[in-house]
Amino acid sequence: MAFLDQLIGLFIQHGYFAVFAVLLISGLGVPIPEDLSLVAGGIIAGLGHADVRVMCAVGLAGVLVGDSFVFLVGRTFGVRALRVRWVAHLLTPRRHAQVKAKFTRYGNRLMFVARFLPGLRTAVFLTAGMSHRVSFLRFIALDGLAALISVPFWIWLGSLGAEHREWVLAQLHRGQGVVAAVLIVLVAFATVWAWRRGRERLRRLHAHRERRAERTRP
């Protein structure tokens, strides 16, 4: 609650610029909860210090600029980025190996899911850039789609409960748990669907090869 009050005071005093700046540095790995910052932006909108629609636009700009910077650092420097102290602190060798394994398992879907996973978000975006397997346009499309869901939601929550901050914090923690559970279920369904689709393609390929072999027999 104390940190939320500090964010609210900062945002009231400095307006949209402060919201953008806090979200930007949060995206760079500074331990400032992004969701809480968005909720604080929603609260000042609910209190009449900002327009909620403009706040959504500023929130989207802040998170996407921060995420893009992280991705482009990984894409520009590759594994050399790990020599930078800031990157090495965020992406330890163990975490880097874990994220690479998740990319192997889930593919580009991980970039969409990462927006809802604060503990892995920056590491995933750095690794995506370092892999050179993901174009910037694909990255911004996946991350932007996820941001279009998460950013307005948290700002709306803050605006709705601007006069009841304890309720907002309770809903914030509850919402994070619900979102994580929903994402786990969606990823599980997507994995099963992709596995079944792969099996069906393999079956059709075998059937096609057998038909070709039968036609070529004397």
C-alpha atoms as a PDB file:
ATOM      1  CA  MET A   1       0.000   0.000   0.000  1.00  0.00           C
ATOM      2  CA  ALA A   2       2.817   2.417   0.866  1.00  0.00           C
ATOM      3  CA  PHE A   3       4.511   1.893  -2.494  1.00  0.00           C
ATOM      4  CA  LEU A   4       1.205   2.299  -4.311  1.00  0.00           C
ATOM      5  CA  ASP A   5       0.655   5.600  -2.505  1.00  0.00           C
ATOM      6  CA  GLN A   6       4.148   6.741  -3.560  1.00  0.00           C
ATOM      7  CA  LEU A   7       3.395   5.914  -7.195  1.00  0.00           C
ATOM      8  CA  ILE A   8       0.068   7.738  -7.020  1.00  0.00           C
ATOM      9  CA  GLY A   9       1.740  10.826  -5.554  1.00  0.00           C
ATOM     10  CA  LEU A  10       4.459  10.738  -8.218  1.00  0.00           C
ATOM     11  CA  PHE A  11       1.934  10.359 -11.034  1.00  0.00           C
ATOM     12  CA  ILE A  12      -0.309  13.137  -9.724  1.00  0.00           C
ATOM     13  CA  GLN A  13       2.662  15.481  -9.477  1.00  0.00           C
ATOM     14  CA  HIS A  14       4.280  14.727 -12.840  1.00  0.00           C
ATOM     15  CA  GLY A  15       1.388  13.359 -14.890  1.00  0.00           C
ATOM     16  CA  TYR A  16       1.631  11.145 -17.940  1.00  0.00           C
ATOM     17  CA  PHE A  17       5.386  11.594 -18.309  1.00  0.00           C
ATOM     18  CA  ALA A  18       5.972   9.935 -14.932  1.00  0.00           C
ATOM     19  CA  VAL A  19       3.689   7.030 -15.854  1.00  0.00           C
ATOM     20  CA  PHE A  20       5.544   6.516 -19.138  1.00  0.00           C
ATOM     21  CA  ALA A  21       8.966   6.754 -17.470  1.00  0.00           C
ATOM     22  CA  VAL A  22       8.126   4.296 -14.673  1.00  0.00           C
ATOM     23  CA  LEU A  23       6.691   1.751 -17.114  1.00  0.00           C
ATOM     24  CA  LEU A  24       9.733   2.171 -19.363  1.00  0.00           C
ATOM     25  CA  ILE A  25      12.283   1.476 -16.633  1.00  0.00           C
ATOM     26  CA  SER A  26      10.105  -1.343 -15.323  1.00  0.00           C
ATOM     27  CA  GLY A  27      10.359  -2.964 -18.755  1.00  0.00           C
ATOM     28  CA  LEU A  28      14.150  -2.684 -18.538  1.00  0.00           C
ATOM     29  CA  GLY A  29      14.167  -4.937 -15.503  1.00  0.00           C
ATOM     30  CA  VAL A  30      14.103  -2.387 -12.674  1.00  0.00           C
ATOM     31  CA  PRO A  31      12.104  -4.039  -9.850  1.00  0.00           C
ATOM     32  CA  ILE A  32       9.029  -1.825 -10.101  1.00  0.00           C
ATOM     33  CA  PRO A  33       5.877  -3.925 -10.595  1.00  0.00           C
ATOM     34  CA  GLU A  34       4.395  -3.048 -13.962  1.00  0.00           C
ATOM     35  CA  ASP A  35       0.891  -4.147 -13.028  1.00  0.00           C
ATOM     36  CA  LEU A  36       0.934  -2.009  -9.886  1.00  0.00           C
ATOM     37  CA  SER A  37       2.175   0.986 -11.895  1.00  0.00           C
ATOM     38  CA  LEU A  38      -0.692   0.587 -14.356  1.00  0.00           C
ATOM     39  CA  VAL A  39      -3.161   0.314 -11.493  1.00  0.00           C
ATOM     40  CA  ALA A  40      -1.722   3.525 -10.003  1.00  0.00           C
ATOM     41  CA  GLY A  41      -2.210   5.239 -13.359  1.00  0.00           C
ATOM     42  CA  GLY A  42      -5.812   4.063 -13.363  1.00  0.00           C
ATOM     43  CA  ILE A  43      -6.335   5.368  -9.841  1.00  0.00           C
ATOM     44  CA  ILE A  44      -5.234   8.908 -10.700  1.00  0.00           C
ATOM     45  CA  ALA A  45      -7.542   8.760 -13.714  1.00  0.00           C
ATOM     46  CA  GLY A  46     -10.377   7.648 -11.460  1.00  0.00           C
ATOM     47  CA  LEU A  47      -9.605  10.529  -9.098  1.00  0.00           C
ATOM     48  CA  GLY A  48      -9.918  12.990 -11.977  1.00  0.00           C
ATOM     49  CA  HIS A  49      -6.229  13.824 -12.441  1.00  0.00           C
ATOM     50  CA  ALA A  50      -5.999  12.183 -15.877  1.00  0.00           C
ATOM     51  CA  ASP A  51      -8.112  10.901 -18.738  1.00  0.00           C
ATOM     52  CA  VAL A  52      -8.459   7.118 -18.641  1.00  0.00           C
ATOM     53  CA  ARG A  53      -8.255   6.799 -22.447  1.00  0.00           C
ATOM     54  CA  VAL A  54      -5.071   8.845 -22.627  1.00  0.00           C
ATOM     55  CA  MET A  55      -3.715   6.837 -19.712  1.00  0.00           C
ATOM     56  CA  CYS A  56      -4.292   3.609 -21.649  1.00  0.00           C
ATOM     57  CA  ALA A  57      -2.401   5.044 -24.627  1.00  0.00           C
ATOM     58  CA  VAL A  58       0.476   6.198 -22.400  1.00  0.00           C
ATOM     59  CA  GLY A  59       0.536   2.834 -20.659  1.00  0.00           C
ATOM     60  CA  LEU A  60       0.724   0.965 -23.962  1.00  0.00           C
ATOM     61  CA  ALA A  61       3.500   3.244 -25.182  1.00  0.00           C
ATOM     62  CA  GLY A  62       5.510   2.806 -21.981  1.00  0.00           C
ATOM     63  CA  VAL A  63       5.398  -0.976 -21.882  1.00  0.00           C
ATOM     64  CA  LEU A  64       5.977  -1.445 -25.624  1.00  0.00           C
ATOM     65  CA  VAL A  65       8.922   0.953 -25.787  1.00  0.00           C
ATOM     66  CA  GLY A  66      10.554  -0.761 -22.805  1.00  0.00           C
ATOM     67  CA  ASP A  67       9.942  -4.229 -24.202  1.00  0.00           C
ATOM     68  CA  SER A  68      11.190  -3.216 -27.645  1.00  0.00           C
ATOM     69  CA  PHE A  69      14.399  -1.787 -26.225  1.00  0.00           C
ATOM     70  CA  VAL A  70      15.108  -5.031 -24.369  1.00  0.00           C
ATOM     71  CA  PHE A  71      14.369  -7.125 -27.465  1.00  0.00           C
ATOM     72  CA  LEU A  72      16.555  -4.946 -29.689  1.00  0.00           C
ATOM     73  CA  VAL A  73      19.460  -5.099 -27.220  1.00  0.00           C
ATOM     74  CA  GLY A  74      19.345  -8.886 -27.465  1.00  0.00           C
ATOM     75  CA  ARG A  75      18.948  -8.807 -31.238  1.00  0.00           C
ATOM     76  CA  THR A  76      21.763  -6.291 -31.788  1.00  0.00           C
ATOM     77  CA  PHE A  77      24.392  -7.786 -29.497  1.00  0.00           C
ATOM     78  CA  GLY A  78      23.366 -11.458 -29.379  1.00  0.00           C
ATOM     79  CA  VAL A  79      25.151 -13.519 -26.746  1.00  0.00           C
ATOM     80  CA  ARG A  80      27.623 -10.640 -26.292  1.00  0.00           C
ATOM     81  CA  ALA A  81      24.851  -8.867 -24.403  1.00  0.00           C
ATOM     82  CA  LEU A  82      25.462 -11.298 -21.533  1.00  0.00           C
ATOM     83  CA  ARG A  83      28.769  -9.522 -20.879  1.00  0.00           C
ATOM     84  CA  VAL A  84      26.894  -6.361 -19.927  1.00  0.00           C
ATOM     85  CA  ARG A  85      26.381  -6.230 -16.161  1.00  0.00           C
ATOM     86  CA  TRP A  86      22.751  -5.103 -16.464  1.00  0.00           C
ATOM     87  CA  VAL A  87      21.915  -7.988 -18.800  1.00  0.00           C
ATOM     88  CA  ALA A  88      23.937 -10.542 -16.845  1.00  0.00           C
ATOM     89  CA  HIS A  89      22.024  -9.604 -13.702  1.00  0.00           C
ATOM     90  CA  LEU A  90      18.660 -10.081 -15.421  1.00  0.00           C
ATOM     91  CA  LEU A  91      19.608 -13.123 -17.469  1.00  0.00           C
ATOM     92  CA  THR A  92      21.830 -15.464 -15.495  1.00  0.00           C
ATOM     93  CA  PRO A  93      23.165 -18.539 -17.338  1.00  0.00           C
ATOM     94  CA  ARG A  94      20.645 -20.730 -15.530  1.00  0.00           C
ATOM     95  CA  ARG A  95      17.696 -18.487 -16.396  1.00  0.00           C
ATOM     96  CA  HIS A  96      18.932 -18.157 -19.973  1.00  0.00           C
ATOM     97  CA  ALA A  97      18.985 -21.954 -20.318  1.00  0.00           C
ATOM     98  CA  GLN A  98      15.495 -22.220 -18.803  1.00  0.00           C
ATOM     99  CA  VAL A  99      14.041 -19.616 -21.176  1.00  0.00           C
ATOM    100  CA  LYS A 100      15.707 -21.239 -24.211  1.00  0.00           C
ATOM    101  CA  ALA A 101      14.162 -24.564 -23.192  1.00  0.00           C
ATOM    102  CA  LYS A 102      10.747 -22.917 -22.947  1.00  0.00           C
ATOM    103  CA  PHE A 103      11.209 -21.395 -26.411  1.00  0.00           C
ATOM    104  CA  THR A 104      12.021 -24.857 -27.769  1.00  0.00           C
ATOM    105  CA  ARG A 105       8.864 -26.228 -26.206  1.00  0.00           C
ATOM    106  CA  TYR A 106       6.360 -23.414 -26.808  1.00  0.00           C
ATOM    107  CA  GLY A 107       7.873 -21.420 -29.687  1.00  0.00           C
ATOM    108  CA  ASN A 108       6.772 -17.852 -30.345  1.00  0.00           C
ATOM    109  CA  ARG A 109       3.682 -18.297 -28.172  1.00  0.00           C
ATOM    110  CA  LEU A 110       5.984 -17.708 -25.201  1.00  0.00           C
ATOM    111  CA  MET A 111       6.370 -14.025 -26.135  1.00  0.00           C
ATOM    112  CA  PHE A 112       2.616 -13.508 -25.821  1.00  0.00           C
ATOM    113  CA  VAL A 113       2.437 -15.359 -22.509  1.00  0.00           C
ATOM    114  CA  ALA A 114       5.492 -13.546 -21.091  1.00  0.00           C
ATOM    115  CA  ARG A 115       3.590 -10.255 -20.808  1.00  0.00           C
ATOM    116  CA  PHE A 116       1.497 -11.870 -18.068  1.00  0.00           C
ATOM    117  CA  LEU A 117       4.509 -13.347 -16.238  1.00  0.00           C
ATOM    118  CA  PRO A 118       6.407 -10.509 -14.502  1.00  0.00           C
ATOM    119  CA  GLY A 119       9.219 -12.747 -13.272  1.00  0.00           C
ATOM    120  CA  LEU A 120      10.118 -13.966 -16.770  1.00  0.00           C
ATOM    121  CA  ARG A 121       9.063 -11.100 -19.026  1.00  0.00           C
ATOM    122  CA  THR A 122      12.395  -9.316 -19.493  1.00  0.00           C
ATOM    123  CA  ALA A 123      14.370 -12.566 -19.698  1.00  0.00           C
ATOM    124  CA  VAL A 124      12.052 -13.895 -22.417  1.00  0.00           C
ATOM    125  CA  PHE A 125      12.283 -10.730 -24.502  1.00  0.00           C
ATOM    126  CA  LEU A 126      16.076 -10.615 -24.232  1.00  0.00           C
ATOM    127  CA  THR A 127      16.356 -14.266 -25.220  1.00  0.00           C
ATOM    128  CA  ALA A 128      13.931 -13.785 -28.121  1.00  0.00           C
ATOM    129  CA  GLY A 129      16.121 -11.015 -29.486  1.00  0.00           C
ATOM    130  CA  MET A 130      19.339 -12.971 -28.947  1.00  0.00           C
ATOM    131  CA  SER A 131      17.961 -15.978 -30.789  1.00  0.00           C
ATOM    132  CA  HIS A 132      17.621 -14.053 -34.109  1.00  0.00           C
ATOM    133  CA  ARG A 133      14.734 -16.400 -34.898  1.00  0.00           C
ATOM    134  CA  VAL A 134      12.047 -13.797 -34.271  1.00  0.00           C
ATOM    135  CA  SER A 135      11.595 -10.691 -36.402  1.00  0.00           C
ATOM    136  CA  PHE A 136      10.923  -7.390 -34.680  1.00  0.00           C
ATOM    137  CA  LEU A 137       7.536  -7.131 -36.396  1.00  0.00           C
ATOM    138  CA  ARG A 138       6.461 -10.540 -35.095  1.00  0.00           C
ATOM    139  CA  PHE A 139       7.701  -9.648 -31.627  1.00  0.00           C
ATOM    140  CA  ILE A 140       5.853  -6.333 -31.508  1.00  0.00           C
ATOM    141  CA  ALA A 141       2.695  -7.984 -32.861  1.00  0.00           C
ATOM    142  CA  LEU A 142       2.649 -10.689 -30.176  1.00  0.00           C
ATOM    143  CA  ASP A 143       3.700  -8.397 -27.351  1.00  0.00           C
ATOM    144  CA  GLY A 144       1.344  -5.666 -28.542  1.00  0.00           C
ATOM    145  CA  LEU A 145      -1.602  -8.055 -28.652  1.00  0.00           C
ATOM    146  CA  ALA A 146      -0.918  -9.140 -25.087  1.00  0.00           C
ATOM    147  CA  ALA A 147      -0.467  -5.511 -23.984  1.00  0.00           C
ATOM    148  CA  LEU A 148      -3.820  -4.586 -25.528  1.00  0.00           C
ATOM    149  CA  ILE A 149      -5.348  -7.062 -23.083  1.00  0.00           C
ATOM    150  CA  SER A 150      -3.330  -6.420 -19.931  1.00  0.00           C
ATOM    151  CA  VAL A 151      -2.748  -2.644 -19.973  1.00  0.00           C
ATOM    152  CA  PRO A 152      -6.386  -1.472 -20.283  1.00  0.00           C
ATOM    153  CA  PHE A 153      -7.468  -4.124 -17.786  1.00  0.00           C
ATOM    154  CA  TRP A 154      -5.163  -2.951 -14.972  1.00  0.00           C
ATOM    155  CA  ILE A 155      -5.846   0.727 -15.681  1.00  0.00           C
ATOM    156  CA  TRP A 156      -9.589   0.078 -15.681  1.00  0.00           C
ATOM    157  CA  LEU A 157      -9.255  -1.804 -12.366  1.00  0.00           C
ATOM    158  CA  GLY A 158      -7.422   1.140 -10.799  1.00  0.00           C
ATOM    159  CA  SER A 159      -9.954   3.618 -12.139  1.00  0.00           C
ATOM    160  CA  LEU A 160     -12.867   1.545 -10.885  1.00  0.00           C
ATOM    161  CA  GLY A 161     -11.483   1.292  -7.358  1.00  0.00           C
ATOM    162  CA  ALA A 162      -9.812   4.688  -7.091  1.00  0.00           C
ATOM    163  CA  GLU A 163     -11.530   5.387  -3.749  1.00  0.00           C
ATOM    164  CA  HIS A 164     -10.988   1.870  -2.393  1.00  0.00           C
ATOM    165  CA  ARG A 165      -7.284   1.094  -2.709  1.00  0.00           C
ATOM    166  CA  GLU A 166      -7.245  -1.919  -0.388  1.00  0.00           C
ATOM    167  CA  TRP A 167      -9.921  -3.531  -2.571  1.00  0.00           C
ATOM    168  CA  VAL A 168      -7.857  -2.700  -5.666  1.00  0.00           C
ATOM    169  CA  LEU A 169      -4.753  -4.363  -4.227  1.00  0.00           C
ATOM    170  CA  ALA A 170      -6.767  -7.440  -3.279  1.00  0.00           C
ATOM    171  CA  GLN A 171      -8.186  -7.655  -6.805  1.00  0.00           C
ATOM    172  CA  LEU A 172      -4.714  -7.088  -8.255  1.00  0.00           C
ATOM    173  CA  HIS A 173      -3.267 -10.103  -6.457  1.00  0.00           C
ATOM    174  CA  ARG A 174      -6.350 -12.177  -7.204  1.00  0.00           C
ATOM    175  CA  GLY A 175      -6.309 -11.149 -10.843  1.00  0.00           C
ATOM    176  CA  GLN A 176      -2.641 -12.065 -11.256  1.00  0.00           C
ATOM    177  CA  GLY A 177      -3.382 -15.554  -9.955  1.00  0.00           C
ATOM    178  CA  VAL A 178      -6.403 -15.970 -12.198  1.00  0.00           C
ATOM    179  CA  VAL A 179      -4.495 -14.749 -15.256  1.00  0.00           C
ATOM    180  CA  ALA A 180      -1.639 -17.150 -14.538  1.00  0.00           C
ATOM    181  CA  ALA A 181      -4.061 -20.072 -14.182  1.00  0.00           C
ATOM    182  CA  VAL A 182      -5.894 -19.184 -17.397  1.00  0.00           C
ATOM    183  CA  LEU A 183      -2.621 -18.896 -19.288  1.00  0.00           C
ATOM    184  CA  ILE A 184      -1.466 -22.284 -18.046  1.00  0.00           C
ATOM    185  CA  VAL A 185      -4.698 -23.852 -19.294  1.00  0.00           C
ATOM    186  CA  LEU A 186      -4.472 -22.042 -22.655  1.00  0.00           C
ATOM    187  CA  VAL A 187      -0.851 -23.089 -23.168  1.00  0.00           C
ATOM    188  CA  ALA A 188      -1.756 -26.680 -22.296  1.00  0.00           C
ATOM    189  CA  PHE A 189      -4.593 -26.689 -24.838  1.00  0.00           C
ATOM    190  CA  ALA A 190      -2.380 -25.071 -27.466  1.00  0.00           C
ATOM    191  CA  THR A 191       0.336 -27.656 -26.872  1.00  0.00           C
ATOM    192  CA  VAL A 192      -2.110 -30.564 -27.183  1.00  0.00           C
ATOM    193  CA  TRP A 193      -3.622 -29.009 -30.332  1.00  0.00           C
ATOM    194  CA  ALA A 194      -0.197 -28.531 -31.915  1.00  0.00           C
ATOM    195  CA  TRP A 195       0.800 -32.110 -31.019  1.00  0.00           C
ATOM    196  CA  ARG A 196      -2.368 -33.534 -32.561  1.00  0.00           C
ATOM    197  CA  ARG A 197      -1.966 -31.386 -35.624  1.00  0.00           C
ATOM    198  CA  GLY A 198       1.609 -32.576 -36.010  1.00  0.00           C
ATOM    199  CA  ARG A 199       0.525 -36.202 -35.724  1.00  0.00           C
ATOM    200  CA  GLU A 200      -2.184 -35.663 -38.347  1.00  0.00           C
ATOM    201  CA  ARG A 201       0.315 -34.065 -40.741  1.00  0.00           C
ATOM    202  CA  LEU A 202       2.709 -36.937 -40.198  1.00  0.00           C
ATOM    203  CA  ARG A 203      -0.058 -39.457 -40.863  1.00  0.00           C
ATOM    204  CA  ARG A 204      -1.011 -37.698 -44.089  1.00  0.00           C
ATOM    205  CA  LEU A 205       2.630 -37.585 -45.170  1.00  0.00           C
ATOM    206  CA  HIS A 206       3.023 -41.318 -44.632  1.00  0.00           C
ATOM    207  CA  ALA A 207      -0.214 -41.993 -46.512  1.00  0.00           C
ATOM    208  CA  HIS A 208       0.951 -39.793 -49.410  1.00  0.00           C
ATOM    209  CA  ARG A 209       4.277 -41.584 -49.581  1.00  0.00           C
ATOM    210  CA  GLU A 210       2.576 -44.975 -49.572  1.00  0.00           C
ATOM    211  CA  ARG A 211       0.298 -43.924 -52.451  1.00  0.00           C
ATOM    212  CA  ARG A 212       3.274 -42.682 -54.438  1.00  0.00           C
ATOM    213  CA  ALA A 213       5.135 -45.914 -53.760  1.00  0.00           C
ATOM    214  CA  GLU A 214       2.140 -47.961 -54.967  1.00  0.00           C
ATOM    215  CA  ARG A 215       1.897 -45.932 -58.202  1.00  0.00           C
ATOM    216  CA  THR A 216       5.590 -46.463 -58.966  1.00  0.00           C
ATOM    217  CA  ARG A 217       5.457 -50.219 -58.468  1.00  0.00           C
ATOM    218  CA  PRO A 218       5.642 -52.313 -61.717  1.00  0.00           C
END
